[in-house]
Amino acid sequence: MPLPTSKKKAGLGKALMRTRFNANTKMNPDGSIRHTTEVDESTSNWTKMQSITQENDLEAFLNTAQLAGTEFTAEKLNITVVSNVYQNPFLLTPEKEKETLQQHQEHKHLLTVPRRPEWDTTTTPEELKRRENDSFLDWRRGLATLEEEKGLIMTPYERNLEVWRQLWRVIERSDLVVQIVDSRNPLLFRSTDVERYVKEVDPRKKNLLLVNKADMLTVEQRLQWADYFEREGIRYMFFSAALAKEKLEAEEEERKAEEALAQLQVDREDDEDDEEEDDIEDGSVPDVDQPRKESERRPSFTGLIQVDEEAEVPERARIIGADELIELFETECPEPLRKVESGGQKTTIGFVGYPNVGKSSTLNALVGAKRVTVSSTPGKTKHFQTIHLSESMILCDCPGLVFPSFATTKADLVVNGILPIDQLREFTGPSSLVAQRVPKWVLENVYGIKIRTRNAEGVDEDRQPTGTELLVAYAVARGFTKSSQGNPDEARAARYILKDYVNGKILYAHPPPNINPDTFNAPMYKNKRFAKRKPESTPPSDAKGKSPATSLSTPNSSLLDAAFFAPQKQTVRAGSMGKYASADFNRVKVYPHQGAEPQVMGKAKKMHDKKNKRRGKQRTDWTAIE
């Protein structure tokens, strides 16, 4: 027989049980327990005697002020009203940008390239290497000091000594140093210190500034740049590797067509077969490549000028061809300044420049312009190569070098093609620069989209779009959406737009100093390339009053207001699902994918074709119908 159990359970006692929950007890600032009825001073002393070994800055400040007896009162003066104007944190304000550009002009002379120490035949290789390392280290320290003390942003420049050694060797062996720059921003890609260094090596050496991609500029823009170059005493020439390549392809087609016609004439005289003669007379020979007419040739993708449009342009702003450029080299350097170890007397032309300014395309155009056999032989070093262009000329190709220069922001480096776009993480800054520089109607015509610009209240206004508005409009028109949320994929749209900007599909050219950019670029946008296009197809929307697809960025408040204050023509009631669904109630459609009208559900279809078939046991759904 089991022992009777007591109704009172044995335990540690209420006092000990309460101590388990003391850790969750809330304390007042003075150390007393919050929400307690105990007035005994012994409980508050427990918290006052707690050991404090660590405290954060705020606790230390408050404890020190409490010990000092300092009292704090709210200060109601000096009220600052925060503006509602949004400024991209990755871009500079107009005032800050103007101040930064002024600092660039003041410290422009400090942007140098590393010099090779002096050496002669008695200098040992180990000693020369040590001198080069010391000189290069001093150069890097100077640029780092300039960047830290002055707070200036510099472009990513070459930090490998071996690459700079290739530049030294190219300058030492070249009679004429050609610096290739992009016509859209020549001053950024031009290094004035390279020109000074060429004269320091040998005063007899000459410099030439080759403005590549000149077909992206109009004649008026080239004339303004020509005025600036002549004022500064710069020897320059406008060139376009794309036009030179197009001209070479056209000449190659004509040459092949002439050879095919000549071969056809020989076959016609020698061939005695009647069937083949009939085919030839009918013109049905498939192997002959007929040259394309000028009207049938596809226009340049990025350029504003075609091959045959430079006839009446002034000589100082004319785009020269590859043959004319070779003649210019021969005129500038008729005799070499040094003898080549092998091959006799040959003039050496050195090419330097950024990796993305079209240096390789220029060399290919020059090599393709010669009808004689061209042999490409590697140089003595591993990086640059020498191309024997003719009996009296050698082209010395230097590897692409990124010279140190100033930049306002990282976004400026991206849109100039210096930083890679595919490795870009922050895209709002570069996209905002594109939206600020290129007019709104040009962006709409190039992409065939409609960019909606609205104020804070959702009302349309005529202004330049922000970077986000441009990206949203492009992403919706192309169907770029995020897989998780279905919102426009702005990052993907930014990569497409930035690549089009760098490649020249969206044109913007920097003007010479002291010239308004809007006035400078206005003639360029009159080209037929920027004519109005048919808008891109947007998601279907049949409901009346729906907003287009590009309005996903802001809610359509006008539609909601109109639907709310409109007179009710029918009784609004809650909709029901399933068999007894009703279409009397419908929400306001704001987004395009909400355009489908609700289907009115009727009675279920009777299964007449299965009435004689045996049916299994079914469960009946009882629904209360009011």
Foldseek 3Di string as FASTA:
>chain_A
DDDDDDPDDDDPDPVVVVVVCPVVFDADPVQHTPPDPDPDVVVSVVRVPDDDDDDDPVVVVVVVCVVVVDDDDDDPPPDDDDDPDDDPPQADDPVVVVVLVVVQVVCVVLQADFDQDDDDPPDDPVNSVVSLVVSLVVNVVSVVCCCPPVVFAKFDFDNDSVQVVLVVVLLLQAQEEEEEAEQQERVQFDDPNSQVNSCVNPVNGYYEYEHEPLLLADLVQLVQVLVVCVVVVHHYAYAYLVQLVVVLVLVVLVVQLVVVVVVVVVCQVPDDDPVVVVCVVVVPDPPHRDRDDPVPDDDDLFGQDHNPPQPPRDPSRGHDYLVVVVVVVCVSDVFAPDFDPPQGTAHEYEYATAPPRCPVSSVVSNQSVDPDDWDWDQDPDDAWTWTCRDSHYIYIYRPGTDRMGTDRGVLVCLLQPNDDLVPDDDQQSVLQVLQVQAAPLLLCQLQQWDQFDADPVRDGDDDGDGSVSSLQGNQQLVVAADPPPRGRDSSVSSSVVSVCSNVRSRDAGDHPPPDDRCVSCVVSCVRPSSDHDHHGDGQDADDPPEDTQSPPVDWPVVQVVCVVPPDDPDDDDDADDDAQGDQPDDDGDHHRVPRDRDDDHHHDDDCPVCPPPDDDDDDDDDDDDD
